[in-house]
C-alpha atoms as a PDB file:
ATOM      1  CA  UNK A   1      99.279 105.677 117.248  1.00  0.00           C
ATOM      2  CA  UNK A   2     101.041 106.072 113.837  1.00  0.00           C
ATOM      3  CA  UNK A   3      99.411 107.130 110.739  1.00  0.00           C
ATOM      4  CA  UNK A   4     100.088 105.585 107.488  1.00  0.00           C
ATOM      5  CA  UNK A   5     102.372 107.891 105.384  1.00  0.00           C
ATOM      6  CA  UNK A   6     101.001 109.044 102.040  1.00  0.00           C
ATOM      7  CA  UNK A   7     103.433 107.952  99.447  1.00  0.00           C
ATOM      8  CA  UNK A   8     105.305 111.007  97.781  1.00  0.00           C
ATOM      9  CA  UNK A   9     105.931 109.288  94.346  1.00  0.00           C
ATOM     10  CA  UNK A  10     105.650 106.105  92.423  1.00  0.00           C
ATOM     11  CA  UNK A  11     109.165 105.149  93.663  1.00  0.00           C
ATOM     12  CA  UNK A  12     107.727 104.975  97.267  1.00  0.00           C
ATOM     13  CA  UNK A  13     105.391 102.178  96.507  1.00  0.00           C
ATOM     14  CA  UNK A  14     107.524  99.282  95.878  1.00  0.00           C
ATOM     15  CA  UNK A  15     106.149  98.473  92.424  1.00  0.00           C
ATOM     16  CA  UNK A  16     107.598  95.642  90.483  1.00  0.00           C
ATOM     17  CA  UNK A  17     109.957  96.367  87.739  1.00  0.00           C
ATOM     18  CA  UNK A  18     108.482  98.038  84.639  1.00  0.00           C
ATOM     19  CA  UNK A  19     108.105  94.926  82.118  1.00  0.00           C
ATOM     20  CA  UNK A  20     106.693  96.862  79.104  1.00  0.00           C
ATOM     21  CA  UNK A  21     106.885 100.096  77.379  1.00  0.00           C
ATOM     22  CA  UNK A  22     103.994 100.882  75.207  1.00  0.00           C
ATOM     23  CA  UNK A  23     104.070 103.261  72.349  1.00  0.00           C
ATOM     24  CA  UNK A  24     100.910 104.297  70.232  1.00  0.00           C
ATOM     25  CA  UNK A  25     101.812 104.545  66.537  1.00  0.00           C
ATOM     26  CA  UNK A  26      99.743 105.382  63.336  1.00  0.00           C
ATOM     27  CA  UNK A  27     100.981 102.298  61.565  1.00  0.00           C
ATOM     28  CA  UNK A  28     102.565  99.195  63.050  1.00  0.00           C
ATOM     29  CA  UNK A  29     103.825  98.242  59.640  1.00  0.00           C
ATOM     30  CA  UNK A  30     105.890 101.388  59.667  1.00  0.00           C
ATOM     31  CA  UNK A  31     106.954 100.788  63.262  1.00  0.00           C
ATOM     32  CA  UNK A  32     107.888  97.135  62.329  1.00  0.00           C
ATOM     33  CA  UNK A  33     110.256  98.548  59.550  1.00  0.00           C
ATOM     34  CA  UNK A  34     111.583 101.758  61.336  1.00  0.00           C
ATOM     35  CA  UNK A  35     112.350  99.724  64.751  1.00  0.00           C
ATOM     36  CA  UNK A  36     112.935  96.062  63.660  1.00  0.00           C
ATOM     37  CA  UNK A  37     116.711  96.336  63.959  1.00  0.00           C
ATOM     38  CA  UNK A  38     116.375  97.454  67.479  1.00  0.00           C
ATOM     39  CA  UNK A  39     113.421  95.486  68.995  1.00  0.00           C
ATOM     40  CA  UNK A  40     112.602  92.537  66.681  1.00  0.00           C
ATOM     41  CA  UNK A  41     111.806  89.688  66.164  1.00  0.00           C
ATOM     42  CA  UNK A  42     108.127  90.748  66.294  1.00  0.00           C
ATOM     43  CA  UNK A  43     105.023  89.019  67.407  1.00  0.00           C
ATOM     44  CA  UNK A  44     101.842  90.464  66.093  1.00  0.00           C
ATOM     45  CA  UNK A  45      98.237  90.168  67.578  1.00  0.00           C
ATOM     46  CA  UNK A  46      94.743  91.498  67.270  1.00  0.00           C
ATOM     47  CA  UNK A  47      94.536  93.590  70.487  1.00  0.00           C
ATOM     48  CA  UNK A  48      90.850  94.402  70.092  1.00  0.00           C
ATOM     49  CA  UNK A  49      88.867  94.727  73.526  1.00  0.00           C
ATOM     50  CA  UNK A  50      85.200  94.345  73.823  1.00  0.00           C
ATOM     51  CA  UNK A  51      83.046  96.095  76.560  1.00  0.00           C
ATOM     52  CA  UNK A  52      86.040  97.479  78.674  1.00  0.00           C
ATOM     53  CA  UNK A  53      85.065 100.144  81.188  1.00  0.00           C
ATOM     54  CA  UNK A  54      86.464 103.370  79.519  1.00  0.00           C
ATOM     55  CA  UNK A  55      85.908 106.712  81.332  1.00  0.00           C
ATOM     56  CA  UNK A  56      82.507 105.520  83.007  1.00  0.00           C
ATOM     57  CA  UNK A  57      81.003 103.488  80.276  1.00  0.00           C
ATOM     58  CA  UNK A  58      81.288 100.343  78.283  1.00  0.00           C
ATOM     59  CA  UNK A  59      83.182 100.788  75.072  1.00  0.00           C
ATOM     60  CA  UNK A  60      84.798  98.607  72.192  1.00  0.00           C
ATOM     61  CA  UNK A  61      88.149  99.231  70.406  1.00  0.00           C
ATOM     62  CA  UNK A  62      89.831  97.783  67.585  1.00  0.00           C
ATOM     63  CA  UNK A  63      93.687  97.693  68.003  1.00  0.00           C
ATOM     64  CA  UNK A  64      96.626  96.068  66.107  1.00  0.00           C
ATOM     65  CA  UNK A  65      99.484  95.303  68.328  1.00  0.00           C
ATOM     66  CA  UNK A  66     103.180  94.528  67.713  1.00  0.00           C
ATOM     67  CA  UNK A  67     105.349  93.045  70.351  1.00  0.00           C
ATOM     68  CA  UNK A  68     109.275  93.294  70.389  1.00  0.00           C
ATOM     69  CA  UNK A  69     111.974  93.319  73.006  1.00  0.00           C
ATOM     70  CA  UNK A  70     114.643  95.254  74.399  1.00  0.00           C
ATOM     71  CA  UNK A  71     116.442  92.940  76.784  1.00  0.00           C
ATOM     72  CA  UNK A  72     113.738  91.695  79.242  1.00  0.00           C
ATOM     73  CA  UNK A  73     111.509  94.698  78.547  1.00  0.00           C
ATOM     74  CA  UNK A  74     108.865  94.190  76.220  1.00  0.00           C
ATOM     75  CA  UNK A  75     108.134  97.021  73.631  1.00  0.00           C
ATOM     76  CA  UNK A  76     104.636  97.298  72.459  1.00  0.00           C
ATOM     77  CA  UNK A  77     103.523  99.156  69.424  1.00  0.00           C
ATOM     78  CA  UNK A  78      99.682  99.859  69.168  1.00  0.00           C
ATOM     79  CA  UNK A  79      97.769 101.006  66.066  1.00  0.00           C
ATOM     80  CA  UNK A  80      94.383 102.401  66.842  1.00  0.00           C
ATOM     81  CA  UNK A  81      91.921 101.351  64.192  1.00  0.00           C
ATOM     82  CA  UNK A  82      88.482 102.192  65.567  1.00  0.00           C
ATOM     83  CA  UNK A  83      86.284 102.537  68.627  1.00  0.00           C
ATOM     84  CA  UNK A  84      86.992 104.226  72.032  1.00  0.00           C
ATOM     85  CA  UNK A  85      90.135 103.756  74.130  1.00  0.00           C
ATOM     86  CA  UNK A  86      93.046 105.897  75.612  1.00  0.00           C
ATOM     87  CA  UNK A  87      94.856 105.087  72.307  1.00  0.00           C
ATOM     88  CA  UNK A  88      92.303 106.844  70.217  1.00  0.00           C
ATOM     89  CA  UNK A  89      92.647 110.094  72.553  1.00  0.00           C
ATOM     90  CA  UNK A  90      96.466 110.016  72.046  1.00  0.00           C
ATOM     91  CA  UNK A  91      96.205 109.838  68.223  1.00  0.00           C
ATOM     92  CA  UNK A  92      93.294 112.375  68.148  1.00  0.00           C
ATOM     93  CA  UNK A  93      95.592 114.948  70.169  1.00  0.00           C
ATOM     94  CA  UNK A  94      98.043 114.654  67.133  1.00  0.00           C
ATOM     95  CA  UNK A  95     100.488 112.487  69.341  1.00  0.00           C
ATOM     96  CA  UNK A  96     102.466 109.360  68.453  1.00  0.00           C
ATOM     97  CA  UNK A  97     105.216 107.724  70.586  1.00  0.00           C
ATOM     98  CA  UNK A  98     105.644 106.599  74.213  1.00  0.00           C
ATOM     99  CA  UNK A  99     102.095 106.146  75.799  1.00  0.00           C
ATOM    100  CA  UNK A 100     102.355 103.929  78.864  1.00  0.00           C
ATOM    101  CA  UNK A 101     104.437 101.884  81.146  1.00  0.00           C
ATOM    102  CA  UNK A 102     103.231  98.357  82.408  1.00  0.00           C
ATOM    103  CA  UNK A 103     103.731  96.776  85.551  1.00  0.00           C
ATOM    104  CA  UNK A 104     102.755  92.968  85.845  1.00  0.00           C
ATOM    105  CA  UNK A 105     101.131  92.674  89.276  1.00  0.00           C
ATOM    106  CA  UNK A 106      99.227  89.842  91.412  1.00  0.00           C
ATOM    107  CA  UNK A 107      96.327  92.214  92.262  1.00  0.00           C
ATOM    108  CA  UNK A 108      95.465  94.951  89.982  1.00  0.00           C
ATOM    109  CA  UNK A 109      92.493  96.373  92.070  1.00  0.00           C
ATOM    110  CA  UNK A 110      94.934  96.700  95.248  1.00  0.00           C
ATOM    111  CA  UNK A 111      97.514  98.405  93.169  1.00  0.00           C
ATOM    112  CA  UNK A 112      94.906 100.912  91.816  1.00  0.00           C
ATOM    113  CA  UNK A 113      94.093 101.649  95.270  1.00  0.00           C
ATOM    114  CA  UNK A 114      97.679 102.180  96.297  1.00  0.00           C
ATOM    115  CA  UNK A 115      98.072 104.782  93.460  1.00  0.00           C
ATOM    116  CA  UNK A 116      95.055 106.705  94.287  1.00  0.00           C
ATOM    117  CA  UNK A 117      96.685 108.947  96.878  1.00  0.00           C
ATOM    118  CA  UNK A 118      98.908 110.005  94.348  1.00  0.00           C
ATOM    119  CA  UNK A 119      96.211 111.117  91.986  1.00  0.00           C
ATOM    120  CA  UNK A 120      96.127 108.268  89.610  1.00  0.00           C
ATOM    121  CA  UNK A 121      92.686 106.989  88.644  1.00  0.00           C
ATOM    122  CA  UNK A 122      91.701 104.159  86.298  1.00  0.00           C
ATOM    123  CA  UNK A 123      90.295 105.286  82.842  1.00  0.00           C
ATOM    124  CA  UNK A 124      90.386 101.895  80.916  1.00  0.00           C
ATOM    125  CA  UNK A 125      89.558  98.662  82.889  1.00  0.00           C
ATOM    126  CA  UNK A 126      88.673  95.107  81.849  1.00  0.00           C
ATOM    127  CA  UNK A 127      88.144  91.847  83.940  1.00  0.00           C
ATOM    128  CA  UNK A 128      88.613  88.981  81.498  1.00  0.00           C
ATOM    129  CA  UNK A 129      88.645  86.226  84.327  1.00  0.00           C
ATOM    130  CA  UNK A 130      89.305  85.804  88.034  1.00  0.00           C
ATOM    131  CA  UNK A 131      92.968  85.951  87.337  1.00  0.00           C
ATOM    132  CA  UNK A 132      93.163  88.293  84.334  1.00  0.00           C
ATOM    133  CA  UNK A 133      92.656  91.951  84.643  1.00  0.00           C
ATOM    134  CA  UNK A 134      94.233  95.115  83.118  1.00  0.00           C
ATOM    135  CA  UNK A 135      93.799  98.782  83.808  1.00  0.00           C
ATOM    136  CA  UNK A 136      95.173 102.095  82.501  1.00  0.00           C
ATOM    137  CA  UNK A 137      95.667 104.738  85.107  1.00  0.00           C
ATOM    138  CA  UNK A 138      96.194 108.475  84.520  1.00  0.00           C
ATOM    139  CA  UNK A 139      97.020 111.397  86.716  1.00  0.00           C
ATOM    140  CA  UNK A 140      96.092 115.107  85.805  1.00  0.00           C
ATOM    141  CA  UNK A 141      99.114 116.751  84.116  1.00  0.00           C
ATOM    142  CA  UNK A 142     101.006 113.590  83.554  1.00  0.00           C
ATOM    143  CA  UNK A 143     101.233 112.568  79.712  1.00  0.00           C
ATOM    144  CA  UNK A 144     102.257 109.010  80.494  1.00  0.00           C
ATOM    145  CA  UNK A 145      99.879 106.438  81.590  1.00  0.00           C
ATOM    146  CA  UNK A 146     100.521 103.578  83.972  1.00  0.00           C
ATOM    147  CA  UNK A 147      99.180  99.965  83.046  1.00  0.00           C
ATOM    148  CA  UNK A 148      98.616  97.232  85.589  1.00  0.00           C
ATOM    149  CA  UNK A 149      98.272  93.737  84.075  1.00  0.00           C
ATOM    150  CA  UNK A 150      97.217  90.874  86.281  1.00  0.00           C
ATOM    151  CA  UNK A 151      97.689  87.576  84.457  1.00  0.00           C
ATOM    152  CA  UNK A 152      99.218  84.234  85.134  1.00  0.00           C
ATOM    153  CA  UNK A 153     102.809  84.137  83.389  1.00  0.00           C
ATOM    154  CA  UNK A 154     102.591  83.146  79.629  1.00  0.00           C
ATOM    155  CA  UNK A 155      98.766  83.767  79.539  1.00  0.00           C
ATOM    156  CA  UNK A 156      96.853  84.838  76.525  1.00  0.00           C
ATOM    157  CA  UNK A 157      97.680  88.147  75.294  1.00  0.00           C
ATOM    158  CA  UNK A 158     101.427  88.189  76.098  1.00  0.00           C
ATOM    159  CA  UNK A 159     104.095  87.795  73.605  1.00  0.00           C
ATOM    160  CA  UNK A 160     105.372  84.726  75.228  1.00  0.00           C
ATOM    161  CA  UNK A 161     108.972  85.458  74.368  1.00  0.00           C
END
Protein backbone atom coordinates (compact mmCIF):
# COMPACT_ATOMS: atom_id res chain seq x y z
CA UNK A 1 0.00 0.00 0.00
CA UNK A 2 1.57 3.28 -1.06
CA UNK A 3 1.18 6.51 0.83
CA UNK A 4 0.54 9.82 -0.85
CA UNK A 5 3.72 11.87 -0.93
CA UNK A 6 3.57 15.24 0.79
CA UNK A 7 4.57 17.93 -1.70
CA UNK A 8 7.90 19.60 -0.97
CA UNK A 9 7.07 22.90 -2.70
CA UNK A 10 4.51 24.78 -4.77
CA UNK A 11 6.28 23.53 -7.89
CA UNK A 12 5.37 19.93 -6.94
CA UNK A 13 1.64 20.66 -7.02
CA UNK A 14 1.08 21.23 -10.73
CA UNK A 15 -0.42 24.67 -10.26
CA UNK A 16 -1.61 26.49 -13.36
CA UNK A 17 0.57 29.34 -14.58
CA UNK A 18 0.62 32.57 -12.59
CA UNK A 19 -1.83 34.91 -14.31
CA UNK A 20 -1.46 37.97 -12.07
CA UNK A 21 1.15 39.70 -9.93
CA UNK A 22 -0.46 41.88 -7.27
CA UNK A 23 1.18 44.98 -5.81
CA UNK A 24 -0.09 47.04 -2.89
CA UNK A 25 0.64 50.73 -3.31
CA UNK A 26 -0.13 53.86 -1.35
CA UNK A 27 -1.54 55.59 -4.44
CA UNK A 28 -2.85 54.09 -7.67
CA UNK A 29 -2.58 57.58 -9.24
CA UNK A 30 1.18 57.48 -8.61
CA UNK A 31 1.37 53.86 -9.81
CA UNK A 32 -0.45 54.79 -13.03
CA UNK A 33 2.05 57.55 -13.69
CA UNK A 34 5.16 55.62 -12.65
CA UNK A 35 4.34 52.29 -14.34
CA UNK A 36 2.19 53.42 -17.28
CA UNK A 37 4.97 53.01 -19.85
CA UNK A 38 5.57 49.44 -18.65
CA UNK A 39 2.09 48.05 -18.00
CA UNK A 40 -0.52 50.38 -19.54
CA UNK A 41 -3.08 50.81 -20.95
CA UNK A 42 -4.97 50.68 -17.68
CA UNK A 43 -8.36 49.51 -16.45
CA UNK A 44 -9.48 50.87 -13.08
CA UNK A 45 -12.21 49.54 -10.79
CA UNK A 46 -13.63 49.74 -7.30
CA UNK A 47 -12.30 46.58 -5.67
CA UNK A 48 -14.19 46.94 -2.41
CA UNK A 49 -15.40 43.72 -0.81
CA UNK A 50 -18.21 43.35 1.70
CA UNK A 51 -18.43 40.62 4.37
CA UNK A 52 -15.39 38.58 3.35
CA UNK A 53 -14.03 36.01 5.79
CA UNK A 54 -10.93 37.71 7.13
CA UNK A 55 -8.87 35.99 9.80
CA UNK A 56 -11.90 34.26 11.29
CA UNK A 57 -14.46 37.06 11.12
CA UNK A 58 -16.53 38.97 8.57
CA UNK A 59 -14.93 42.22 7.40
CA UNK A 60 -15.50 44.91 4.80
CA UNK A 61 -12.75 46.70 2.91
CA UNK A 62 -12.56 49.62 0.50
CA UNK A 63 -9.99 49.15 -2.27
CA UNK A 64 -9.17 50.92 -5.53
CA UNK A 65 -7.62 48.70 -8.18
CA UNK A 66 -5.66 49.45 -11.31
CA UNK A 67 -5.03 46.69 -13.88
CA UNK A 68 -2.36 46.62 -16.55
CA UNK A 69 -0.42 43.88 -18.35
CA UNK A 70 3.02 42.55 -19.10
CA UNK A 71 2.37 40.15 -21.97
CA UNK A 72 -0.26 37.68 -20.77
CA UNK A 73 0.34 38.43 -17.08
CA UNK A 74 -2.00 40.89 -15.42
CA UNK A 75 -0.36 43.48 -13.19
CA UNK A 76 -2.67 44.59 -10.38
CA UNK A 77 -2.03 47.68 -8.26
CA UNK A 78 -4.19 47.91 -5.14
CA UNK A 79 -4.69 50.98 -2.98
CA UNK A 80 -6.17 50.25 0.45
CA UNK A 81 -8.62 53.00 1.43
CA UNK A 82 -10.33 51.64 4.54
CA UNK A 83 -11.56 48.56 6.35
CA UNK A 84 -9.83 45.27 7.04
CA UNK A 85 -7.87 43.11 4.60
CA UNK A 86 -4.38 41.77 3.96
CA UNK A 87 -3.71 45.00 2.05
CA UNK A 88 -4.24 47.05 5.21
CA UNK A 89 -1.78 44.84 7.10
CA UNK A 90 0.79 45.31 4.35
CA UNK A 91 0.50 49.12 4.37
CA UNK A 92 0.43 49.31 8.19
CA UNK A 93 3.67 47.29 8.28
CA UNK A 94 5.23 50.13 6.27
CA UNK A 95 5.41 48.03 3.14
CA UNK A 96 4.61 48.80 -0.48
CA UNK A 97 5.26 46.60 -3.50
CA UNK A 98 4.76 42.98 -4.55
CA UNK A 99 2.07 41.43 -2.39
CA UNK A 100 0.67 38.28 -4.01
CA UNK A 101 0.69 35.91 -6.97
CA UNK A 102 -2.65 34.83 -8.42
CA UNK A 103 -3.61 31.53 -9.96
CA UNK A 104 -6.93 31.05 -11.78
CA UNK A 105 -8.31 27.68 -10.74
CA UNK A 106 -11.45 25.63 -11.30
CA UNK A 107 -11.94 24.78 -7.60
CA UNK A 108 -10.48 27.20 -5.04
CA UNK A 109 -11.41 25.02 -2.06
CA UNK A 110 -9.65 21.98 -3.54
CA UNK A 111 -6.49 24.03 -4.12
CA UNK A 112 -6.63 25.43 -0.58
CA UNK A 113 -6.64 21.83 0.69
CA UNK A 114 -3.71 20.92 -1.60
CA UNK A 115 -1.57 23.78 -0.22
CA UNK A 116 -2.34 23.02 3.44
CA UNK A 117 0.47 20.40 3.79
CA UNK A 118 2.94 23.14 2.79
CA UNK A 119 1.74 25.36 5.64
CA UNK A 120 -0.52 27.68 3.63
CA UNK A 121 -3.82 28.72 5.19
CA UNK A 122 -6.57 31.01 3.91
CA UNK A 123 -6.69 34.42 5.58
CA UNK A 124 -9.11 36.25 3.25
CA UNK A 125 -11.91 34.37 1.49
CA UNK A 126 -15.16 35.21 -0.25
CA UNK A 127 -17.76 33.19 -2.11
CA UNK A 128 -19.58 35.49 -4.54
CA UNK A 129 -21.56 32.72 -6.29
CA UNK A 130 -21.39 28.99 -7.00
CA UNK A 131 -18.68 29.56 -9.61
CA UNK A 132 -16.93 32.67 -8.27
CA UNK A 133 -14.62 32.47 -5.24
CA UNK A 134 -11.38 34.13 -4.20
CA UNK A 135 -8.93 33.25 -1.45
CA UNK A 136 -5.66 34.73 -0.21
CA UNK A 137 -3.39 32.23 1.51
CA UNK A 138 -0.36 32.87 3.69
CA UNK A 139 2.40 30.71 5.09
CA UNK A 140 4.29 31.68 8.25
CA UNK A 141 7.59 33.35 7.39
CA UNK A 142 6.70 33.88 3.73
CA UNK A 143 6.06 37.55 2.88
CA UNK A 144 4.36 36.72 -0.45
CA UNK A 145 0.71 35.65 -0.44
CA UNK A 146 -0.96 33.26 -2.87
CA UNK A 147 -4.34 34.13 -4.37
CA UNK A 148 -6.73 31.64 -5.93
CA UNK A 149 -9.47 32.98 -8.17
CA UNK A 150 -12.23 30.66 -9.26
CA UNK A 151 -14.26 32.51 -11.89
CA UNK A 152 -15.54 31.88 -15.40
CA UNK A 153 -13.28 33.52 -18.03
CA UNK A 154 -14.15 37.18 -18.61
CA UNK A 155 -16.28 37.29 -15.47
CA UNK A 156 -16.93 40.42 -13.43
CA UNK A 157 -13.92 41.79 -11.58
CA UNK A 158 -11.41 40.89 -14.26
CA UNK A 159 -9.82 43.40 -16.53
CA UNK A 160 -11.17 41.60 -19.58
CA UNK A 161 -8.07 42.52 -21.60
